[in-house]
């Protein structure tokens, strides 16, 4: 059991922005490589990469 009275005994409630950004970038790179391997340059689209990475398009 976690002791709230002991500093450092509780896990962080949410990831930092840097951690979220790194995870998104890793997902996008992995999805891009997978698309290029499976579909080739001509068949790789940003829509397919975002679908595989599980991210939204954004603006």
PDB file of N, CA and C in Angstrom:
ATOM      1  N   UNK A   1       0.842  -1.162   0.000  1.00  0.00           N
ATOM      2  CA  UNK A   1       0.000   0.000   0.000  1.00  0.00           C
ATOM      3  C   UNK A   1       0.899   1.241   0.000  1.00  0.00           C
ATOM      4  N   UNK A   2       0.459   2.270  -0.688  1.00  0.00           N
ATOM      5  CA  UNK A   2       1.209   3.508  -0.746  1.00  0.00           C
ATOM      6  C   UNK A   2       0.942   4.342   0.487  1.00  0.00           C
ATOM      7  N   UNK A   3       1.994   4.934   1.015  1.00  0.00           N
ATOM      8  CA  UNK A   3       1.860   5.784   2.190  1.00  0.00           C
ATOM      9  C   UNK A   3       1.918   7.239   1.746  1.00  0.00           C
ATOM     10  N   UNK A   4       0.771   7.965   1.773  1.00  0.00           N
ATOM     11  CA  UNK A   4       0.769   9.349   1.306  1.00  0.00           C
ATOM     12  C   UNK A   4       1.640  10.263   2.151  1.00  0.00           C
ATOM     13  N   UNK A   5       2.049   9.837   3.340  1.00  0.00           N
ATOM     14  CA  UNK A   5       2.895  10.653   4.198  1.00  0.00           C
ATOM     15  C   UNK A   5       4.368  10.564   3.860  1.00  0.00           C
ATOM     16  N   UNK A   6       4.735   9.641   2.988  1.00  0.00           N
ATOM     17  CA  UNK A   6       6.136   9.460   2.621  1.00  0.00           C
ATOM     18  C   UNK A   6       6.377  10.100   1.259  1.00  0.00           C
ATOM     19  N   UNK A   7       7.267  11.103   1.202  1.00  0.00           N
ATOM     20  CA  UNK A   7       7.544  11.749  -0.090  1.00  0.00           C
ATOM     21  C   UNK A   7       8.010  10.734  -1.121  1.00  0.00           C
ATOM     22  N   UNK A   8       7.472  10.854  -2.317  1.00  0.00           N
ATOM     23  CA  UNK A   8       7.871   9.963  -3.403  1.00  0.00           C
ATOM     24  C   UNK A   8       7.194   8.613  -3.408  1.00  0.00           C
ATOM     25  N   UNK A   9       6.268   8.364  -2.463  1.00  0.00           N
ATOM     26  CA  UNK A   9       5.645   7.046  -2.410  1.00  0.00           C
ATOM     27  C   UNK A   9       4.433   6.943  -3.323  1.00  0.00           C
ATOM     28  N   UNK A  10       3.967   8.085  -3.863  1.00  0.00           N
ATOM     29  CA  UNK A  10       2.798   8.069  -4.748  1.00  0.00           C
ATOM     30  C   UNK A  10       3.258   8.202  -6.189  1.00  0.00           C
ATOM     31  N   UNK A  11       2.678   7.421  -7.072  1.00  0.00           N
ATOM     32  CA  UNK A  11       3.028   7.577  -8.492  1.00  0.00           C
ATOM     33  C   UNK A  11       2.457   8.895  -9.014  1.00  0.00           C
ATOM     34  N   UNK A  12       3.065   9.450 -10.047  1.00  0.00           N
ATOM     35  CA  UNK A  12       2.520  10.693 -10.601  1.00  0.00           C
ATOM     36  C   UNK A  12       1.105  10.473 -11.123  1.00  0.00           C
ATOM     37  N   UNK A  13       0.260  11.478 -10.972  1.00  0.00           N
ATOM     38  CA  UNK A  13      -1.121  11.351 -11.391  1.00  0.00           C
ATOM     39  C   UNK A  13      -1.260  11.397 -12.902  1.00  0.00           C
ATOM     40  N   UNK A  14      -0.369  12.133 -13.584  1.00  0.00           N
ATOM     41  CA  UNK A  14      -0.407  12.171 -15.035  1.00  0.00           C
ATOM     42  C   UNK A  14       0.996  12.383 -15.572  1.00  0.00           C
ATOM     43  N   UNK A  15       1.152  12.003 -16.836  1.00  0.00           N
ATOM     44  CA  UNK A  15       2.464  12.153 -17.468  1.00  0.00           C
ATOM     45  C   UNK A  15       2.733  13.625 -17.763  1.00  0.00           C
ATOM     46  N   UNK A  16       3.993  13.963 -17.828  1.00  0.00           N
ATOM     47  CA  UNK A  16       4.353  15.330 -18.173  1.00  0.00           C
ATOM     48  C   UNK A  16       4.114  15.546 -19.663  1.00  0.00           C
ATOM     49  N   UNK A  17       4.092  16.808 -20.062  1.00  0.00           N
ATOM     50  CA  UNK A  17       3.933  17.139 -21.483  1.00  0.00           C
ATOM     51  C   UNK A  17       5.061  16.506 -22.294  1.00  0.00           C
ATOM     52  N   UNK A  18       6.262  16.535 -21.786  1.00  0.00           N
ATOM     53  CA  UNK A  18       7.402  15.947 -22.499  1.00  0.00           C
ATOM     54  C   UNK A  18       7.203  14.445 -22.695  1.00  0.00           C
ATOM     55  N   UNK A  19       6.678  13.761 -21.689  1.00  0.00           N
ATOM     56  CA  UNK A  19       6.424  12.325 -21.806  1.00  0.00           C
ATOM     57  C   UNK A  19       5.332  12.045 -22.826  1.00  0.00           C
ATOM     58  N   UNK A  20       4.277  12.852 -22.810  1.00  0.00           N
ATOM     59  CA  UNK A  20       3.193  12.663 -23.785  1.00  0.00           C
ATOM     60  C   UNK A  20       3.696  12.930 -25.205  1.00  0.00           C
ATOM     61  N   UNK A  21       4.486  13.981 -25.363  1.00  0.00           N
ATOM     62  CA  UNK A  21       5.028  14.318 -26.681  1.00  0.00           C
ATOM     63  C   UNK A  21       5.935  13.197 -27.195  1.00  0.00           C
ATOM     64  N   UNK A  22       6.798  12.672 -26.336  1.00  0.00           N
ATOM     65  CA  UNK A  22       7.698  11.588 -26.736  1.00  0.00           C
ATOM     66  C   UNK A  22       6.917  10.341 -27.147  1.00  0.00           C
ATOM     67  N   UNK A  23       5.858  10.025 -26.418  1.00  0.00           N
ATOM     68  CA  UNK A  23       5.037   8.857 -26.751  1.00  0.00           C
ATOM     69  C   UNK A  23       4.344   9.053 -28.092  1.00  0.00           C
ATOM     70  N   UNK A  24       3.842  10.253 -28.352  1.00  0.00           N
ATOM     71  CA  UNK A  24       3.183  10.533 -29.630  1.00  0.00           C
ATOM     72  C   UNK A  24       4.179  10.448 -30.777  1.00  0.00           C
ATOM     73  N   UNK A  25       5.355  11.028 -30.588  1.00  0.00           N
ATOM     74  CA  UNK A  25       6.369  10.986 -31.638  1.00  0.00           C
ATOM     75  C   UNK A  25       6.794   9.546 -31.930  1.00  0.00           C
ATOM     76  N   UNK A  26       6.958   8.753 -30.890  1.00  0.00           N
ATOM     77  CA  UNK A  26       7.340   7.349 -31.087  1.00  0.00           C
ATOM     78  C   UNK A  26       6.247   6.589 -31.830  1.00  0.00           C
ATOM     79  N   UNK A  27       4.993   6.846 -31.492  1.00  0.00           N
ATOM     80  CA  UNK A  27       3.883   6.181 -32.178  1.00  0.00           C
ATOM     81  C   UNK A  27       3.842   6.582 -33.649  1.00  0.00           C
ATOM     82  N   UNK A  28       4.071   7.857 -33.935  1.00  0.00           N
ATOM     83  CA  UNK A  28       4.059   8.323 -35.323  1.00  0.00           C
ATOM     84  C   UNK A  28       5.212   7.742 -36.129  1.00  0.00           C
ATOM     85  N   UNK A  29       6.391   7.686 -35.542  1.00  0.00           N
ATOM     86  CA  UNK A  29       7.543   7.111 -36.252  1.00  0.00           C
ATOM     87  C   UNK A  29       7.306   5.633 -36.523  1.00  0.00           C
ATOM     88  N   UNK A  30       6.823   4.914 -35.517  1.00  0.00           N
ATOM     89  CA  UNK A  30       6.550   3.487 -35.707  1.00  0.00           C
ATOM     90  C   UNK A  30       5.496   3.241 -36.770  1.00  0.00           C
ATOM     91  N   UNK A  31       4.447   4.043 -36.756  1.00  0.00           N
ATOM     92  CA  UNK A  31       3.387   3.896 -37.755  1.00  0.00           C
ATOM     93  C   UNK A  31       3.896   4.242 -39.148  1.00  0.00           C
ATOM     94  N   UNK A  32       4.734   5.264 -39.238  1.00  0.00           N
ATOM     95  CA  UNK A  32       5.286   5.657 -40.533  1.00  0.00           C
ATOM     96  C   UNK A  32       6.161   4.555 -41.110  1.00  0.00           C
ATOM     97  N   UNK A  33       7.027   4.005 -40.294  1.00  0.00           N
ATOM     98  CA  UNK A  33       7.898   2.910 -40.765  1.00  0.00           C
ATOM     99  C   UNK A  33       7.058   1.719 -41.204  1.00  0.00           C
ATOM    100  N   UNK A  34       6.050   1.372 -40.403  1.00  0.00           N
ATOM    101  CA  UNK A  34       5.180   0.253 -40.764  1.00  0.00           C
ATOM    102  C   UNK A  34       4.474   0.479 -42.087  1.00  0.00           C
ATOM    103  N   UNK A  35       3.981   1.691 -42.305  1.00  0.00           N
ATOM    104  CA  UNK A  35       3.317   2.011 -43.572  1.00  0.00           C
ATOM    105  C   UNK A  35       4.284   1.910 -44.739  1.00  0.00           C
ATOM    106  N   UNK A  36       5.467   2.468 -44.566  1.00  0.00           N
ATOM    107  CA  UNK A  36       6.443   2.437 -45.660  1.00  0.00           C
ATOM    108  C   UNK A  36       6.841   1.010 -46.018  1.00  0.00           C
ATOM    109  N   UNK A  37       7.007   0.173 -45.010  1.00  0.00           N
ATOM    110  CA  UNK A  37       7.381  -1.222 -45.256  1.00  0.00           C
ATOM    111  C   UNK A  37       6.237  -1.968 -45.946  1.00  0.00           C
ATOM    112  N   UNK A  38       5.027  -1.787 -45.447  1.00  0.00           N
ATOM    113  CA  UNK A  38       3.892  -2.540 -45.967  1.00  0.00           C
ATOM    114  C   UNK A  38       3.299  -1.963 -47.248  1.00  0.00           C
ATOM    115  N   UNK A  39       3.267  -0.629 -47.349  1.00  0.00           N
ATOM    116  CA  UNK A  39       2.569   0.009 -48.462  1.00  0.00           C
ATOM    117  C   UNK A  39       3.488   0.689 -49.469  1.00  0.00           C
ATOM    118  N   UNK A  40       4.733   0.890 -49.081  1.00  0.00           N
ATOM    119  CA  UNK A  40       5.662   1.601 -49.954  1.00  0.00           C
ATOM    120  C   UNK A  40       5.439   3.102 -49.884  1.00  0.00           C
ATOM    121  N   UNK A  41       6.338   3.833 -50.507  1.00  0.00           N
ATOM    122  CA  UNK A  41       6.274   5.300 -50.487  1.00  0.00           C
ATOM    123  C   UNK A  41       4.984   5.810 -51.110  1.00  0.00           C
ATOM    124  N   UNK A  42       4.625   5.271 -52.249  1.00  0.00           N
ATOM    125  CA  UNK A  42       3.436   5.755 -52.961  1.00  0.00           C
ATOM    126  C   UNK A  42       2.138   5.453 -52.208  1.00  0.00           C
ATOM    127  N   UNK A  43       2.117   4.387 -51.412  1.00  0.00           N
ATOM    128  CA  UNK A  43       0.897   4.010 -50.716  1.00  0.00           C
ATOM    129  C   UNK A  43       0.759   4.580 -49.316  1.00  0.00           C
ATOM    130  N   UNK A  44       1.810   5.216 -48.817  1.00  0.00           N
ATOM    131  CA  UNK A  44       1.779   5.763 -47.464  1.00  0.00           C
ATOM    132  C   UNK A  44       1.140   7.143 -47.477  1.00  0.00           C
ATOM    133  N   UNK A  45       0.116   7.309 -46.658  1.00  0.00           N
ATOM    134  CA  UNK A  45      -0.565   8.597 -46.554  1.00  0.00           C
ATOM    135  C   UNK A  45      -0.542   9.064 -45.102  1.00  0.00           C
ATOM    136  N   UNK A  46      -0.688  10.364 -44.916  1.00  0.00           N
ATOM    137  CA  UNK A  46      -0.739  10.881 -43.544  1.00  0.00           C
ATOM    138  C   UNK A  46      -1.955  10.332 -42.813  1.00  0.00           C
ATOM    139  N   UNK A  47      -3.039  10.122 -43.539  1.00  0.00           N
ATOM    140  CA  UNK A  47      -4.239   9.578 -42.904  1.00  0.00           C
ATOM    141  C   UNK A  47      -3.999   8.162 -42.385  1.00  0.00           C
ATOM    142  N   UNK A  48      -3.281   7.354 -43.158  1.00  0.00           N
ATOM    143  CA  UNK A  48      -2.997   5.989 -42.720  1.00  0.00           C
ATOM    144  C   UNK A  48      -2.030   5.985 -41.544  1.00  0.00           C
ATOM    145  N   UNK A  49      -1.045   6.851 -41.582  1.00  0.00           N
ATOM    146  CA  UNK A  49      -0.092   6.938 -40.474  1.00  0.00           C
ATOM    147  C   UNK A  49      -0.817   7.335 -39.193  1.00  0.00           C
ATOM    148  N   UNK A  50      -1.669   8.359 -39.254  1.00  0.00           N
ATOM    149  CA  UNK A  50      -2.383   8.787 -38.050  1.00  0.00           C
ATOM    150  C   UNK A  50      -3.333   7.705 -37.553  1.00  0.00           C
ATOM    151  N   UNK A  51      -3.953   6.968 -38.447  1.00  0.00           N
ATOM    152  CA  UNK A  51      -4.847   5.888 -38.024  1.00  0.00           C
ATOM    153  C   UNK A  51      -4.071   4.824 -37.270  1.00  0.00           C
ATOM    154  N   UNK A  52      -2.942   4.424 -37.822  1.00  0.00           N
ATOM    155  CA  UNK A  52      -2.133   3.377 -37.184  1.00  0.00           C
ATOM    156  C   UNK A  52      -1.527   3.845 -35.866  1.00  0.00           C
ATOM    157  N   UNK A  53      -1.179   5.118 -35.806  1.00  0.00           N
ATOM    158  CA  UNK A  53      -0.576   5.656 -34.579  1.00  0.00           C
ATOM    159  C   UNK A  53      -1.615   5.930 -33.499  1.00  0.00           C
ATOM    160  N   UNK A  54      -2.879   6.008 -33.908  1.00  0.00           N
ATOM    161  CA  UNK A  54      -3.941   6.273 -32.950  1.00  0.00           C
ATOM    162  C   UNK A  54      -3.984   7.721 -32.489  1.00  0.00           C
ATOM    163  N   UNK A  55      -3.644   8.623 -33.400  1.00  0.00           N
ATOM    164  CA  UNK A  55      -3.672  10.055 -33.077  1.00  0.00           C
ATOM    165  C   UNK A  55      -4.636  10.760 -34.007  1.00  0.00           C
ATOM    166  N   UNK A  56      -5.073  11.940 -33.597  1.00  0.00           N
ATOM    167  CA  UNK A  56      -5.940  12.733 -34.447  1.00  0.00           C
ATOM    168  C   UNK A  56      -5.104  13.644 -35.322  1.00  0.00           C
ATOM    169  N   UNK A  57      -5.696  14.162 -36.343  1.00  0.00           N
ATOM    170  CA  UNK A  57      -4.986  14.983 -37.315  1.00  0.00           C
ATOM    171  C   UNK A  57      -4.547  16.317 -36.742  1.00  0.00           C
ATOM    172  N   UNK A  58      -5.362  16.947 -35.956  1.00  0.00           N
ATOM    173  CA  UNK A  58      -5.009  18.254 -35.409  1.00  0.00           C
ATOM    174  C   UNK A  58      -5.090  19.323 -36.472  1.00  0.00           C
ATOM    175  N   UNK A  59      -4.615  20.501 -36.154  1.00  0.00           N
ATOM    176  CA  UNK A  59      -4.647  21.616 -37.103  1.00  0.00           C
ATOM    177  C   UNK A  59      -3.364  22.362 -37.106  1.00  0.00           C
TER     178      UNK A  59
END
